[in-house]
């Protein structure tokens, strides 16, 4: 039996109100500015597409608790992504979780490589996306 991969979790503190961060992570156009092109709507049950490096990824909104929490299913391999926002004074703590990983040796269908390699690439990608791109998108102005 191979090792089950752990969730990828990235947490940062943003110098912006929770309302501003919520808008950046739930408005499709603004989400595209730091994440990937999409047609997201913050409505439970909404099916949308994210244009990932491996092509279009079907997604579905599973949970919304504005302005604190979003969860969506991502692609067809059991992944989910959550955005969790916590107000800390005039700042917002933002935590992204990318979970639903299978065993390290599981082949991710679209990537055609083992989950372990995809996980490693995505871990680095999320570090850059959340730590730099989201931070810039939220703190600009």
Protein backbone atom coordinates (compact mmCIF):
# COMPACT_ATOMS: atom_id res chain seq x y z
CA UNK A 1 0.00 0.00 0.00
CA UNK A 2 1.33 3.42 -0.90
CA UNK A 3 1.21 6.58 1.13
CA UNK A 4 -1.92 8.75 1.06
CA UNK A 5 -0.91 12.29 0.11
CA UNK A 6 -1.70 15.07 2.58
CA UNK A 7 -3.77 18.15 1.78
CA UNK A 8 -1.88 21.16 0.47
CA UNK A 9 -2.54 24.07 2.85
CA UNK A 10 -1.37 27.66 2.31
CA UNK A 11 -2.12 30.44 4.80
CA UNK A 12 -1.23 34.11 4.46
CA UNK A 13 -2.26 37.35 6.15
CA UNK A 14 -3.47 40.03 3.76
CA UNK A 15 -3.53 43.77 4.42
CA UNK A 16 -7.14 44.15 3.33
CA UNK A 17 -10.65 43.85 4.69
CA UNK A 18 -12.43 40.52 4.59
CA UNK A 19 -14.96 42.06 2.17
CA UNK A 20 -12.22 43.01 -0.32
CA UNK A 21 -10.59 39.56 -0.08
CA UNK A 22 -14.00 37.87 -0.47
CA UNK A 23 -14.62 39.84 -3.67
CA UNK A 24 -11.19 38.87 -5.06
CA UNK A 25 -11.80 35.17 -4.44
CA UNK A 26 -15.46 34.88 -5.50
CA UNK A 27 -15.82 37.24 -8.48
CA UNK A 28 -14.96 35.26 -11.64
CA UNK A 29 -13.09 38.09 -13.34
CA UNK A 30 -11.04 38.94 -10.24
CA UNK A 31 -10.46 35.24 -9.50
CA UNK A 32 -9.07 34.86 -13.03
CA UNK A 33 -6.59 37.65 -12.30
CA UNK A 34 -4.72 35.61 -9.69
CA UNK A 35 -5.85 32.02 -10.24
CA UNK A 36 -7.01 30.80 -13.68
CA UNK A 37 -9.69 31.77 -16.21
CA UNK A 38 -13.07 30.54 -14.98
CA UNK A 39 -16.82 31.14 -14.90
CA UNK A 40 -17.22 30.77 -11.13
CA UNK A 41 -20.32 32.02 -9.30
CA UNK A 42 -20.58 31.86 -5.49
CA UNK A 43 -23.76 29.75 -5.58
CA UNK A 44 -23.96 26.26 -4.08
CA UNK A 45 -24.47 23.76 -6.90
CA UNK A 46 -23.09 26.07 -9.60
CA UNK A 47 -21.06 24.11 -12.13
CA UNK A 48 -18.17 26.00 -13.68
CA UNK A 49 -14.94 25.46 -15.56
CA UNK A 50 -11.38 26.41 -14.65
CA UNK A 51 -8.95 26.65 -17.56
CA UNK A 52 -6.00 24.76 -16.09
CA UNK A 53 -2.62 23.96 -17.69
CA UNK A 54 -4.04 20.50 -18.49
CA UNK A 55 -7.11 21.94 -20.21
CA UNK A 56 -10.63 22.73 -19.01
CA UNK A 57 -11.39 21.37 -15.53
CA UNK A 58 -15.03 20.89 -14.55
CA UNK A 59 -15.80 22.20 -11.07
CA UNK A 60 -18.83 22.51 -8.80
CA UNK A 61 -19.46 24.81 -5.85
CA UNK A 62 -20.18 22.62 -2.81
CA UNK A 63 -20.31 25.11 0.05
CA UNK A 64 -20.53 28.89 0.57
CA UNK A 65 -20.54 30.81 3.85
CA UNK A 66 -20.01 34.43 2.79
CA UNK A 67 -17.61 36.05 3.50
CA UNK A 68 -15.80 33.27 5.33
CA UNK A 69 -15.73 30.04 3.34
CA UNK A 70 -15.90 28.56 -0.18
CA UNK A 71 -15.48 24.91 -1.15
CA UNK A 72 -15.58 23.53 -4.68
CA UNK A 73 -14.94 20.17 -6.31
CA UNK A 74 -12.14 20.50 -8.85
CA UNK A 75 -11.87 18.26 -11.90
CA UNK A 76 -12.79 14.57 -11.97
CA UNK A 77 -10.22 12.95 -9.68
CA UNK A 78 -11.82 13.71 -6.31
CA UNK A 79 -10.01 16.97 -5.56
CA UNK A 80 -11.54 19.83 -3.64
CA UNK A 81 -10.36 23.37 -2.97
CA UNK A 82 -11.41 25.57 -0.06
CA UNK A 83 -10.86 29.26 0.61
CA UNK A 84 -11.21 30.15 4.29
CA UNK A 85 -11.18 33.80 5.37
CA UNK A 86 -10.79 35.05 8.93
CA UNK A 87 -10.99 38.69 9.97
CA UNK A 88 -8.05 39.78 12.12
CA UNK A 89 -8.57 43.46 12.90
CA UNK A 90 -8.14 45.31 9.61
CA UNK A 91 -6.39 42.33 8.03
CA UNK A 92 -7.67 39.02 6.67
CA UNK A 93 -6.14 35.62 7.19
CA UNK A 94 -6.63 33.55 4.02
CA UNK A 95 -6.19 29.78 3.99
CA UNK A 96 -6.34 27.70 0.83
CA UNK A 97 -6.68 23.94 1.14
CA UNK A 98 -6.32 21.62 -1.86
CA UNK A 99 -7.42 18.17 -0.74
CA UNK A 100 -8.85 14.91 -2.00
CA UNK A 101 -5.49 13.46 -2.97
CA UNK A 102 -5.18 9.75 -3.54
CA UNK A 103 -2.14 7.53 -3.03
CA UNK A 104 1.25 8.84 -4.17
CA UNK A 105 1.38 6.29 -7.03
CA UNK A 106 -2.14 7.03 -8.34
CA UNK A 107 -1.98 8.31 -11.93
CA UNK A 108 -3.84 11.62 -12.35
CA UNK A 109 -5.79 11.08 -15.59
CA UNK A 110 -5.32 14.52 -17.22
CA UNK A 111 -1.68 14.87 -16.24
CA UNK A 112 -0.88 11.22 -16.98
CA UNK A 113 1.65 11.23 -14.14
CA UNK A 114 1.65 10.01 -10.53
CA UNK A 115 -0.22 12.00 -7.88
CA UNK A 116 3.04 12.47 -5.98
CA UNK A 117 4.55 14.48 -8.87
CA UNK A 118 1.37 16.49 -9.44
CA UNK A 119 1.13 17.19 -5.68
CA UNK A 120 4.72 18.46 -5.60
CA UNK A 121 4.17 20.73 -8.62
CA UNK A 122 0.88 22.04 -7.26
CA UNK A 123 2.32 22.65 -3.82
CA UNK A 124 4.89 24.98 -5.38
CA UNK A 125 2.28 26.49 -7.65
CA UNK A 126 -0.08 27.25 -4.76
CA UNK A 127 2.79 28.87 -2.84
CA UNK A 128 3.33 31.27 -5.76
CA UNK A 129 -0.37 31.79 -6.53
CA UNK A 130 -1.45 32.49 -2.94
CA UNK A 131 1.74 34.07 -1.62
CA UNK A 132 2.39 36.37 -4.54
CA UNK A 133 -0.44 36.61 -7.07
CA UNK A 134 -3.36 36.73 -4.61
CA UNK A 135 -1.43 39.02 -2.27
CA UNK A 136 -0.74 41.44 -5.16
CA UNK A 137 -4.34 41.28 -6.39
CA UNK A 138 -5.73 42.02 -2.93
CA UNK A 139 -3.22 44.58 -1.70
CA UNK A 140 -2.97 46.63 -4.93
CA UNK A 141 -4.57 50.09 -4.88
